[in-house]
Amino acid sequence: MFDELQASSDPGACSRYFTQNLLEQASKRRGRAAVLSCEEQVLEDPSPDEEMTVSGIEVDGGEGTADVASEGGTFDGQKIRYRLVEQDGAWKVDEMLEFIVFDRDKLILEMGRSWYRDARTRAELDAVSCSIDRLLEADDAALQEVFLGRTMQPLLELVQACEPRSAAV
């Protein structure tokens, strides 16, 4: 399942391999917006520079867990335990449960790279720099909640003072 997902350039893979629950957790969006977020990501970068190694698969009836180590991408250097569920006759990834290996420096570095790529103005670059500083100051539990939580609130609380300011003050 993880190999097929990694190699997919089909936006339909989002609903085929992930439950709505996981899509909402990962995107911090609800309903159809969560599905669209995943589909847009697949279309924008159909072959991400990321490799996943799956281990520790445990199954009990229609539920299970799998540990996924990532090399490259946002989760470079991390190992995350996922909950799996059997749904409609197929196994799907349902939830990120916990970090098994947590490399905060790599995680912040990859987040920062992504944010810098998206910045379009000097004010946005300054806000990214400020946000990275705030993430570096956060404890591990707060930083992990940014990813494992269901809303943007943990991230917003960490970086709220970093919004881009207008140059015309």
N, C-alpha and C. Protein backbone atom coordinates (compact mmCIF):
# COMPACT_ATOMS: atom_id res chain seq x y z
N MET A 1 0.82 -1.19 0.00
CA MET A 1 0.00 0.00 0.00
C MET A 1 0.87 1.26 0.00
N PHE A 2 1.88 1.34 0.89
CA PHE A 2 2.71 2.53 0.96
C PHE A 2 3.53 2.70 -0.31
N ASP A 3 4.02 1.60 -0.89
CA ASP A 3 4.78 1.68 -2.14
C ASP A 3 3.90 2.21 -3.27
N GLU A 4 2.67 1.71 -3.36
CA GLU A 4 1.75 2.15 -4.40
C GLU A 4 1.42 3.63 -4.23
N LEU A 5 1.23 4.03 -2.99
CA LEU A 5 0.91 5.44 -2.71
C LEU A 5 2.06 6.34 -3.10
N GLN A 6 3.26 5.96 -2.75
CA GLN A 6 4.43 6.77 -3.04
C GLN A 6 4.63 6.95 -4.54
N ALA A 7 4.33 5.94 -5.32
CA ALA A 7 4.56 5.98 -6.76
C ALA A 7 3.39 6.60 -7.53
N SER A 8 2.30 6.91 -6.85
CA SER A 8 1.09 7.35 -7.54
C SER A 8 1.16 8.81 -7.96
N SER A 9 0.66 9.07 -9.15
CA SER A 9 0.47 10.45 -9.61
C SER A 9 -1.01 10.70 -9.85
N ASP A 10 -1.84 9.79 -9.34
CA ASP A 10 -3.29 9.87 -9.51
C ASP A 10 -3.92 10.51 -8.28
N PRO A 11 -4.59 11.65 -8.44
CA PRO A 11 -5.23 12.30 -7.29
C PRO A 11 -6.25 11.39 -6.59
N GLY A 12 -6.80 10.42 -7.31
CA GLY A 12 -7.74 9.49 -6.72
C GLY A 12 -7.10 8.61 -5.64
N ALA A 13 -5.76 8.55 -5.64
CA ALA A 13 -5.06 7.77 -4.63
C ALA A 13 -5.32 8.32 -3.23
N CYS A 14 -5.61 9.59 -3.13
CA CYS A 14 -5.87 10.19 -1.82
C CYS A 14 -7.02 9.48 -1.10
N SER A 15 -8.10 9.25 -1.80
CA SER A 15 -9.26 8.58 -1.20
C SER A 15 -9.10 7.06 -1.20
N ARG A 16 -8.28 6.55 -2.09
CA ARG A 16 -8.07 5.10 -2.16
C ARG A 16 -7.20 4.61 -1.00
N TYR A 17 -6.21 5.39 -0.58
CA TYR A 17 -5.25 4.95 0.42
C TYR A 17 -5.40 5.61 1.78
N PHE A 18 -6.10 6.73 1.85
CA PHE A 18 -6.26 7.46 3.10
C PHE A 18 -7.72 7.56 3.47
N THR A 19 -8.01 7.50 4.77
CA THR A 19 -9.38 7.76 5.24
C THR A 19 -9.58 9.27 5.31
N GLN A 20 -10.82 9.67 5.39
CA GLN A 20 -11.14 11.08 5.58
C GLN A 20 -10.47 11.61 6.85
N ASN A 21 -10.44 10.77 7.87
CA ASN A 21 -9.82 11.15 9.14
C ASN A 21 -8.36 11.57 8.96
N LEU A 22 -7.58 10.77 8.23
CA LEU A 22 -6.17 11.09 8.00
C LEU A 22 -6.03 12.35 7.14
N LEU A 23 -6.84 12.46 6.11
CA LEU A 23 -6.76 13.64 5.24
C LEU A 23 -7.02 14.91 6.03
N GLU A 24 -7.97 14.86 6.96
CA GLU A 24 -8.27 16.04 7.79
C GLU A 24 -7.14 16.32 8.78
N GLN A 25 -6.56 15.27 9.34
CA GLN A 25 -5.45 15.46 10.27
C GLN A 25 -4.25 16.06 9.56
N ALA A 26 -3.92 15.54 8.39
CA ALA A 26 -2.74 15.99 7.66
C ALA A 26 -2.88 17.39 7.10
N SER A 27 -4.08 17.72 6.61
CA SER A 27 -4.27 19.02 5.96
C SER A 27 -4.76 20.10 6.91
N LYS A 28 -5.29 19.68 8.07
CA LYS A 28 -5.91 20.59 9.04
C LYS A 28 -7.15 21.26 8.45
N ARG A 29 -7.74 20.59 7.46
CA ARG A 29 -8.97 21.08 6.84
C ARG A 29 -10.06 20.04 7.05
N ARG A 30 -11.30 20.42 6.79
CA ARG A 30 -12.42 19.52 7.01
C ARG A 30 -13.11 19.17 5.70
N GLY A 31 -13.75 18.00 5.69
CA GLY A 31 -14.60 17.59 4.58
C GLY A 31 -13.88 17.55 3.25
N ARG A 32 -14.58 18.03 2.24
CA ARG A 32 -14.06 17.99 0.87
C ARG A 32 -12.77 18.80 0.72
N ALA A 33 -12.62 19.86 1.53
CA ALA A 33 -11.41 20.67 1.46
C ALA A 33 -10.16 19.84 1.78
N ALA A 34 -10.29 18.87 2.68
CA ALA A 34 -9.16 18.01 3.03
C ALA A 34 -8.79 17.11 1.84
N VAL A 35 -9.79 16.58 1.18
CA VAL A 35 -9.54 15.73 0.00
C VAL A 35 -8.89 16.56 -1.10
N LEU A 36 -9.42 17.74 -1.36
CA LEU A 36 -8.88 18.61 -2.40
C LEU A 36 -7.43 18.99 -2.11
N SER A 37 -7.11 19.22 -0.85
CA SER A 37 -5.75 19.56 -0.47
C SER A 37 -4.78 18.45 -0.86
N CYS A 38 -5.15 17.21 -0.58
CA CYS A 38 -4.32 16.05 -0.94
C CYS A 38 -4.21 15.94 -2.46
N GLU A 39 -5.34 16.05 -3.15
CA GLU A 39 -5.34 15.92 -4.61
C GLU A 39 -4.47 16.99 -5.27
N GLU A 40 -4.54 18.21 -4.78
CA GLU A 40 -3.71 19.29 -5.32
C GLU A 40 -2.23 18.99 -5.10
N GLN A 41 -1.90 18.46 -3.93
CA GLN A 41 -0.51 18.14 -3.63
C GLN A 41 0.02 17.06 -4.58
N VAL A 42 -0.79 16.04 -4.86
CA VAL A 42 -0.39 14.98 -5.79
C VAL A 42 -0.19 15.55 -7.19
N LEU A 43 -1.08 16.44 -7.61
CA LEU A 43 -0.96 17.03 -8.95
C LEU A 43 0.24 17.96 -9.06
N GLU A 44 0.54 18.70 -7.98
CA GLU A 44 1.66 19.64 -8.01
C GLU A 44 3.00 18.93 -7.99
N ASP A 45 3.09 17.85 -7.23
CA ASP A 45 4.35 17.13 -7.10
C ASP A 45 4.08 15.63 -7.15
N PRO A 46 3.82 15.10 -8.36
CA PRO A 46 3.42 13.71 -8.48
C PRO A 46 4.48 12.69 -8.06
N SER A 47 5.72 13.07 -8.06
CA SER A 47 6.76 12.13 -7.62
C SER A 47 7.67 12.84 -6.62
N PRO A 48 7.19 12.98 -5.38
CA PRO A 48 8.00 13.69 -4.39
C PRO A 48 9.32 12.99 -4.15
N ASP A 49 10.31 13.78 -3.76
CA ASP A 49 11.64 13.26 -3.50
C ASP A 49 11.67 12.68 -2.09
N GLU A 50 10.88 11.63 -1.89
CA GLU A 50 10.74 11.03 -0.56
C GLU A 50 10.66 9.52 -0.70
N GLU A 51 11.38 8.83 0.16
CA GLU A 51 11.29 7.37 0.22
C GLU A 51 10.78 6.99 1.59
N MET A 52 9.92 5.97 1.62
CA MET A 52 9.35 5.51 2.87
C MET A 52 9.75 4.06 3.10
N THR A 53 10.11 3.77 4.34
CA THR A 53 10.39 2.40 4.74
C THR A 53 9.38 2.02 5.81
N VAL A 54 8.63 0.96 5.54
CA VAL A 54 7.57 0.52 6.44
C VAL A 54 8.08 -0.66 7.27
N SER A 55 7.80 -0.61 8.57
CA SER A 55 8.19 -1.70 9.46
C SER A 55 7.16 -1.81 10.58
N GLY A 56 7.33 -2.80 11.41
CA GLY A 56 6.50 -2.93 12.60
C GLY A 56 5.02 -3.04 12.34
N ILE A 57 4.64 -3.69 11.26
CA ILE A 57 3.21 -3.81 10.95
C ILE A 57 2.57 -4.79 11.91
N GLU A 58 1.51 -4.35 12.55
CA GLU A 58 0.73 -5.20 13.46
C GLU A 58 -0.73 -5.07 13.08
N VAL A 59 -1.43 -6.21 12.98
CA VAL A 59 -2.83 -6.21 12.58
C VAL A 59 -3.62 -7.01 13.61
N ASP A 60 -4.78 -6.46 13.96
CA ASP A 60 -5.71 -7.14 14.85
C ASP A 60 -7.11 -6.92 14.30
N GLY A 61 -7.61 -7.92 13.59
CA GLY A 61 -8.91 -7.78 12.96
C GLY A 61 -8.84 -6.77 11.83
N GLY A 62 -9.73 -5.77 11.88
CA GLY A 62 -9.79 -4.75 10.84
C GLY A 62 -9.02 -3.49 11.16
N GLU A 63 -8.11 -3.57 12.16
CA GLU A 63 -7.28 -2.41 12.50
C GLU A 63 -5.83 -2.85 12.63
N GLY A 64 -4.95 -1.90 12.53
CA GLY A 64 -3.54 -2.21 12.70
C GLY A 64 -2.71 -0.95 12.82
N THR A 65 -1.41 -1.14 12.92
CA THR A 65 -0.47 -0.03 12.95
C THR A 65 0.71 -0.37 12.05
N ALA A 66 1.37 0.66 11.59
CA ALA A 66 2.60 0.50 10.81
C ALA A 66 3.50 1.68 11.13
N ASP A 67 4.79 1.41 11.23
CA ASP A 67 5.78 2.45 11.47
C ASP A 67 6.41 2.81 10.13
N VAL A 68 6.43 4.10 9.82
CA VAL A 68 6.93 4.55 8.52
C VAL A 68 8.06 5.55 8.74
N ALA A 69 9.25 5.18 8.26
CA ALA A 69 10.41 6.06 8.29
C ALA A 69 10.51 6.76 6.94
N SER A 70 10.73 8.07 6.98
CA SER A 70 10.81 8.85 5.75
C SER A 70 12.22 9.34 5.51
N GLU A 71 12.59 9.32 4.24
CA GLU A 71 13.86 9.90 3.80
C GLU A 71 13.52 10.88 2.69
N GLY A 72 13.81 12.15 2.92
CA GLY A 72 13.43 13.20 1.99
C GLY A 72 12.06 13.75 2.35
N GLY A 73 11.69 14.86 1.78
CA GLY A 73 10.38 15.46 2.03
C GLY A 73 10.27 16.09 3.41
N THR A 74 9.07 16.52 3.74
CA THR A 74 8.82 17.21 5.01
C THR A 74 9.19 16.36 6.22
N PHE A 75 8.95 15.06 6.14
CA PHE A 75 9.21 14.19 7.28
C PHE A 75 10.57 13.49 7.22
N ASP A 76 11.53 14.09 6.51
CA ASP A 76 12.87 13.54 6.41
C ASP A 76 13.44 13.27 7.81
N GLY A 77 13.90 12.04 8.01
CA GLY A 77 14.52 11.69 9.29
C GLY A 77 13.54 11.31 10.39
N GLN A 78 12.26 11.35 10.11
CA GLN A 78 11.24 11.03 11.12
C GLN A 78 10.76 9.60 10.91
N LYS A 79 10.26 9.01 11.98
CA LYS A 79 9.58 7.73 11.90
C LYS A 79 8.27 7.89 12.66
N ILE A 80 7.18 7.65 11.97
CA ILE A 80 5.85 7.91 12.54
C ILE A 80 5.04 6.62 12.55
N ARG A 81 4.34 6.40 13.66
CA ARG A 81 3.42 5.26 13.74
C ARG A 81 2.06 5.72 13.24
N TYR A 82 1.51 4.95 12.29
CA TYR A 82 0.21 5.24 11.70
C TYR A 82 -0.79 4.17 12.12
N ARG A 83 -2.03 4.57 12.25
CA ARG A 83 -3.11 3.61 12.46
C ARG A 83 -3.67 3.27 11.10
N LEU A 84 -3.90 1.98 10.86
CA LEU A 84 -4.48 1.48 9.62
C LEU A 84 -5.85 0.90 9.93
N VAL A 85 -6.77 1.03 8.98
CA VAL A 85 -8.10 0.42 9.14
C VAL A 85 -8.49 -0.23 7.82
N GLU A 86 -9.26 -1.30 7.96
CA GLU A 86 -9.82 -1.93 6.78
C GLU A 86 -11.16 -1.26 6.52
N GLN A 87 -11.30 -0.72 5.33
CA GLN A 87 -12.50 0.05 5.01
C GLN A 87 -12.91 -0.29 3.57
N ASP A 88 -14.13 -0.67 3.40
CA ASP A 88 -14.64 -1.01 2.07
C ASP A 88 -13.77 -2.07 1.38
N GLY A 89 -13.30 -3.04 2.15
CA GLY A 89 -12.52 -4.15 1.60
C GLY A 89 -11.08 -3.82 1.29
N ALA A 90 -10.58 -2.66 1.71
CA ALA A 90 -9.19 -2.29 1.44
C ALA A 90 -8.58 -1.68 2.71
N TRP A 91 -7.27 -1.79 2.83
CA TRP A 91 -6.57 -1.18 3.95
C TRP A 91 -6.26 0.28 3.61
N LYS A 92 -6.51 1.16 4.59
CA LYS A 92 -6.24 2.59 4.42
C LYS A 92 -5.50 3.13 5.64
N VAL A 93 -4.74 4.17 5.41
CA VAL A 93 -4.06 4.88 6.49
C VAL A 93 -5.09 5.80 7.13
N ASP A 94 -5.27 5.67 8.44
CA ASP A 94 -6.34 6.39 9.13
C ASP A 94 -5.87 7.53 10.02
N GLU A 95 -4.66 7.44 10.57
CA GLU A 95 -4.26 8.47 11.53
C GLU A 95 -2.77 8.39 11.82
N MET A 96 -2.14 9.56 12.00
CA MET A 96 -0.78 9.61 12.52
C MET A 96 -0.92 9.55 14.04
N LEU A 97 -0.35 8.51 14.65
CA LEU A 97 -0.52 8.33 16.09
C LEU A 97 0.57 9.00 16.91
N GLU A 98 1.82 8.76 16.53
CA GLU A 98 2.92 9.30 17.31
C GLU A 98 4.22 9.25 16.52
N PHE A 99 5.16 10.08 16.93
CA PHE A 99 6.50 10.01 16.38
C PHE A 99 7.26 8.92 17.13
N ILE A 100 7.84 7.97 16.40
CA ILE A 100 8.69 6.94 16.99
C ILE A 100 10.12 7.46 17.03
N VAL A 101 10.54 8.10 15.96
CA VAL A 101 11.82 8.83 15.90
C VAL A 101 11.46 10.26 15.57
N PHE A 102 11.94 11.18 16.39
CA PHE A 102 11.61 12.59 16.20
C PHE A 102 12.91 13.38 16.12
N ASP A 103 13.20 13.91 14.94
CA ASP A 103 14.38 14.75 14.72
C ASP A 103 13.88 16.17 14.49
N ARG A 104 13.78 16.91 15.57
CA ARG A 104 13.19 18.25 15.52
C ARG A 104 13.93 19.18 14.56
N ASP A 105 15.26 19.11 14.55
CA ASP A 105 16.02 20.01 13.69
C ASP A 105 15.72 19.77 12.22
N LYS A 106 15.67 18.49 11.81
CA LYS A 106 15.34 18.18 10.41
C LYS A 106 13.91 18.59 10.07
N LEU A 107 13.00 18.36 11.01
CA LEU A 107 11.61 18.71 10.76
C LEU A 107 11.44 20.21 10.56
N ILE A 108 12.07 20.99 11.41
CA ILE A 108 11.99 22.46 11.29
C ILE A 108 12.69 22.90 10.00
N LEU A 109 13.82 22.30 9.68
CA LEU A 109 14.53 22.65 8.45
C LEU A 109 13.65 22.41 7.22
N GLU A 110 12.99 21.24 7.16
CA GLU A 110 12.14 20.94 6.01
C GLU A 110 10.91 21.84 5.95
N MET A 111 10.33 22.14 7.10
CA MET A 111 9.20 23.08 7.11
C MET A 111 9.65 24.44 6.60
N GLY A 112 10.79 24.89 7.11
CA GLY A 112 11.31 26.18 6.69
C GLY A 112 11.58 26.24 5.20
N ARG A 113 12.16 25.19 4.65
CA ARG A 113 12.41 25.16 3.21
C ARG A 113 11.11 25.32 2.42
N SER A 114 10.10 24.61 2.85
CA SER A 114 8.81 24.70 2.17
C SER A 114 8.24 26.11 2.27
N TRP A 115 8.29 26.68 3.45
CA TRP A 115 7.75 28.03 3.63
C TRP A 115 8.54 29.07 2.82
N TYR A 116 9.87 28.94 2.81
CA TYR A 116 10.68 29.88 2.04
C TYR A 116 10.36 29.80 0.55
N ARG A 117 10.14 28.57 0.04
CA ARG A 117 9.79 28.42 -1.37
C ARG A 117 8.48 29.12 -1.71
N ASP A 118 7.56 29.14 -0.75
CA ASP A 118 6.24 29.73 -0.99
C ASP A 118 6.20 31.24 -0.77
N ALA A 119 7.19 31.80 -0.08
CA ALA A 119 7.19 33.24 0.22
C ALA A 119 7.36 34.05 -1.06
N ARG A 120 6.58 35.11 -1.16
CA ARG A 120 6.59 35.93 -2.38
C ARG A 120 7.08 37.37 -2.15
N THR A 121 7.12 37.80 -0.91
CA THR A 121 7.53 39.17 -0.61
C THR A 121 8.57 39.17 0.51
N ARG A 122 9.22 40.30 0.67
CA ARG A 122 10.20 40.45 1.77
C ARG A 122 9.51 40.27 3.12
N ALA A 123 8.30 40.80 3.25
CA ALA A 123 7.56 40.67 4.51
C ALA A 123 7.26 39.20 4.80
N GLU A 124 6.92 38.43 3.76
CA GLU A 124 6.66 37.00 3.96
C GLU A 124 7.95 36.27 4.35
N LEU A 125 9.07 36.63 3.74
CA LEU A 125 10.35 36.03 4.11
C LEU A 125 10.69 36.32 5.57
N ASP A 126 10.45 37.55 6.00
CA ASP A 126 10.69 37.91 7.40
C ASP A 126 9.78 37.11 8.33
N ALA A 127 8.54 36.91 7.92
CA ALA A 127 7.59 36.13 8.74
C ALA A 127 8.04 34.67 8.82
N VAL A 128 8.56 34.13 7.73
CA VAL A 128 9.06 32.75 7.74
C VAL A 128 10.24 32.65 8.71
N SER A 129 11.15 33.58 8.64
CA SER A 129 12.30 33.57 9.52
C SER A 129 11.87 33.63 10.99
N CYS A 130 10.94 34.50 11.29
CA CYS A 130 10.39 34.62 12.64
C CYS A 130 9.72 33.31 13.06
N SER A 131 8.96 32.71 12.16
CA SER A 131 8.24 31.46 12.47
C SER A 131 9.21 30.33 12.78
N ILE A 132 10.29 30.25 12.02
CA ILE A 132 11.30 29.23 12.28
C ILE A 132 11.91 29.43 13.65
N ASP A 133 12.21 30.68 14.00
CA ASP A 133 12.75 30.97 15.34
C ASP A 133 11.79 30.50 16.43
N ARG A 134 10.50 30.75 16.23
CA ARG A 134 9.49 30.33 17.22
C ARG A 134 9.42 28.80 17.33
N LEU A 135 9.51 28.12 16.20
CA LEU A 135 9.51 26.65 16.23
C LEU A 135 10.73 26.11 16.97
N LEU A 136 11.88 26.75 16.75
CA LEU A 136 13.10 26.32 17.43
C LEU A 136 12.99 26.50 18.94
N GLU A 137 12.21 27.47 19.38
CA GLU A 137 12.02 27.72 20.81
C GLU A 137 11.00 26.77 21.44
N ALA A 138 10.15 26.15 20.65
CA ALA A 138 9.08 25.29 21.16
C ALA A 138 9.66 23.98 21.70
N ASP A 139 8.97 23.42 22.70
CA ASP A 139 9.39 22.11 23.19
C ASP A 139 8.90 21.02 22.23
N ASP A 140 9.42 19.82 22.41
CA ASP A 140 9.11 18.72 21.50
C ASP A 140 7.61 18.42 21.45
N ALA A 141 6.95 18.44 22.60
CA ALA A 141 5.53 18.12 22.63
C ALA A 141 4.72 19.12 21.81
N ALA A 142 5.03 20.40 21.94
CA ALA A 142 4.31 21.43 21.18
C ALA A 142 4.58 21.28 19.69
N LEU A 143 5.80 21.00 19.33
CA LEU A 143 6.16 20.84 17.92
C LEU A 143 5.48 19.61 17.32
N GLN A 144 5.43 18.51 18.05
CA GLN A 144 4.77 17.32 17.55
C GLN A 144 3.27 17.55 17.40
N GLU A 145 2.68 18.32 18.28
CA GLU A 145 1.24 18.60 18.20
C GLU A 145 0.89 19.38 16.93
N VAL A 146 1.84 20.15 16.41
CA VAL A 146 1.62 20.85 15.15
C VAL A 146 1.24 19.84 14.06
N PHE A 147 1.89 18.68 14.06
CA PHE A 147 1.64 17.68 13.02
C PHE A 147 0.56 16.68 13.40
N LEU A 148 0.51 16.29 14.64
CA LEU A 148 -0.43 15.25 15.05
C LEU A 148 -1.81 15.81 15.38
N GLY A 149 -1.89 17.11 15.60
CA GLY A 149 -3.17 17.73 15.94
C GLY A 149 -4.12 17.79 14.76
N ARG A 150 -5.34 18.14 15.05
CA ARG A 150 -6.39 18.15 14.02
C ARG A 150 -6.69 19.54 13.48
N THR A 151 -6.10 20.55 14.07
CA THR A 151 -6.36 21.91 13.62
C THR A 151 -5.04 22.65 13.44
N MET A 152 -5.12 23.82 12.87
CA MET A 152 -3.95 24.68 12.70
C MET A 152 -3.61 25.41 14.00
N GLN A 153 -4.48 25.31 15.00
CA GLN A 153 -4.31 26.09 16.23
C GLN A 153 -2.93 25.95 16.87
N PRO A 154 -2.39 24.74 17.03
CA PRO A 154 -1.05 24.65 17.65
C PRO A 154 0.01 25.43 16.89
N LEU A 155 -0.02 25.37 15.56
CA LEU A 155 0.95 26.12 14.77
C LEU A 155 0.69 27.61 14.88
N LEU A 156 -0.57 28.00 14.78
CA LEU A 156 -0.91 29.42 14.88
C LEU A 156 -0.48 30.01 16.21
N GLU A 157 -0.65 29.26 17.29
CA GLU A 157 -0.24 29.75 18.60
C GLU A 157 1.27 29.94 18.67
N LEU A 158 2.03 29.07 18.01
CA LEU A 158 3.48 29.19 18.02
C LEU A 158 3.98 30.39 17.21
N VAL A 159 3.33 30.66 16.08
CA VAL A 159 3.87 31.68 15.16
C VAL A 159 2.99 32.92 15.06
N GLN A 160 2.04 33.10 15.96
CA GLN A 160 1.09 34.20 15.84
C GLN A 160 1.73 35.58 15.77
N ALA A 161 2.85 35.78 16.38
CA ALA A 161 3.50 37.09 16.37
C ALA A 161 4.32 37.34 15.10
N CYS A 162 4.30 36.40 14.17
CA CYS A 162 5.17 36.47 12.99
C CYS A 162 4.46 36.85 11.70
N GLU A 163 3.21 37.24 11.75
CA GLU A 163 2.50 37.57 10.51
C GLU A 163 3.20 38.68 9.77
N PRO A 164 3.20 38.59 8.42
CA PRO A 164 3.82 39.66 7.63
C PRO A 164 3.16 41.00 7.92
N ARG A 165 3.99 41.99 8.06
CA ARG A 165 3.48 43.34 8.32
C ARG A 165 3.57 44.17 7.04
N SER A 166 2.65 45.05 6.87
CA SER A 166 2.65 45.92 5.71
C SER A 166 3.83 46.87 5.77
N ALA A 167 4.45 47.11 4.63
CA ALA A 167 5.57 48.04 4.56
C ALA A 167 5.11 49.47 4.73
N ALA A 168 3.82 49.73 4.45
CA ALA A 168 3.28 51.10 4.56
C ALA A 168 2.69 51.32 5.95
N VAL A 169 3.55 51.60 6.93
CA VAL A 169 3.08 51.81 8.31
C VAL A 169 3.03 53.27 8.61
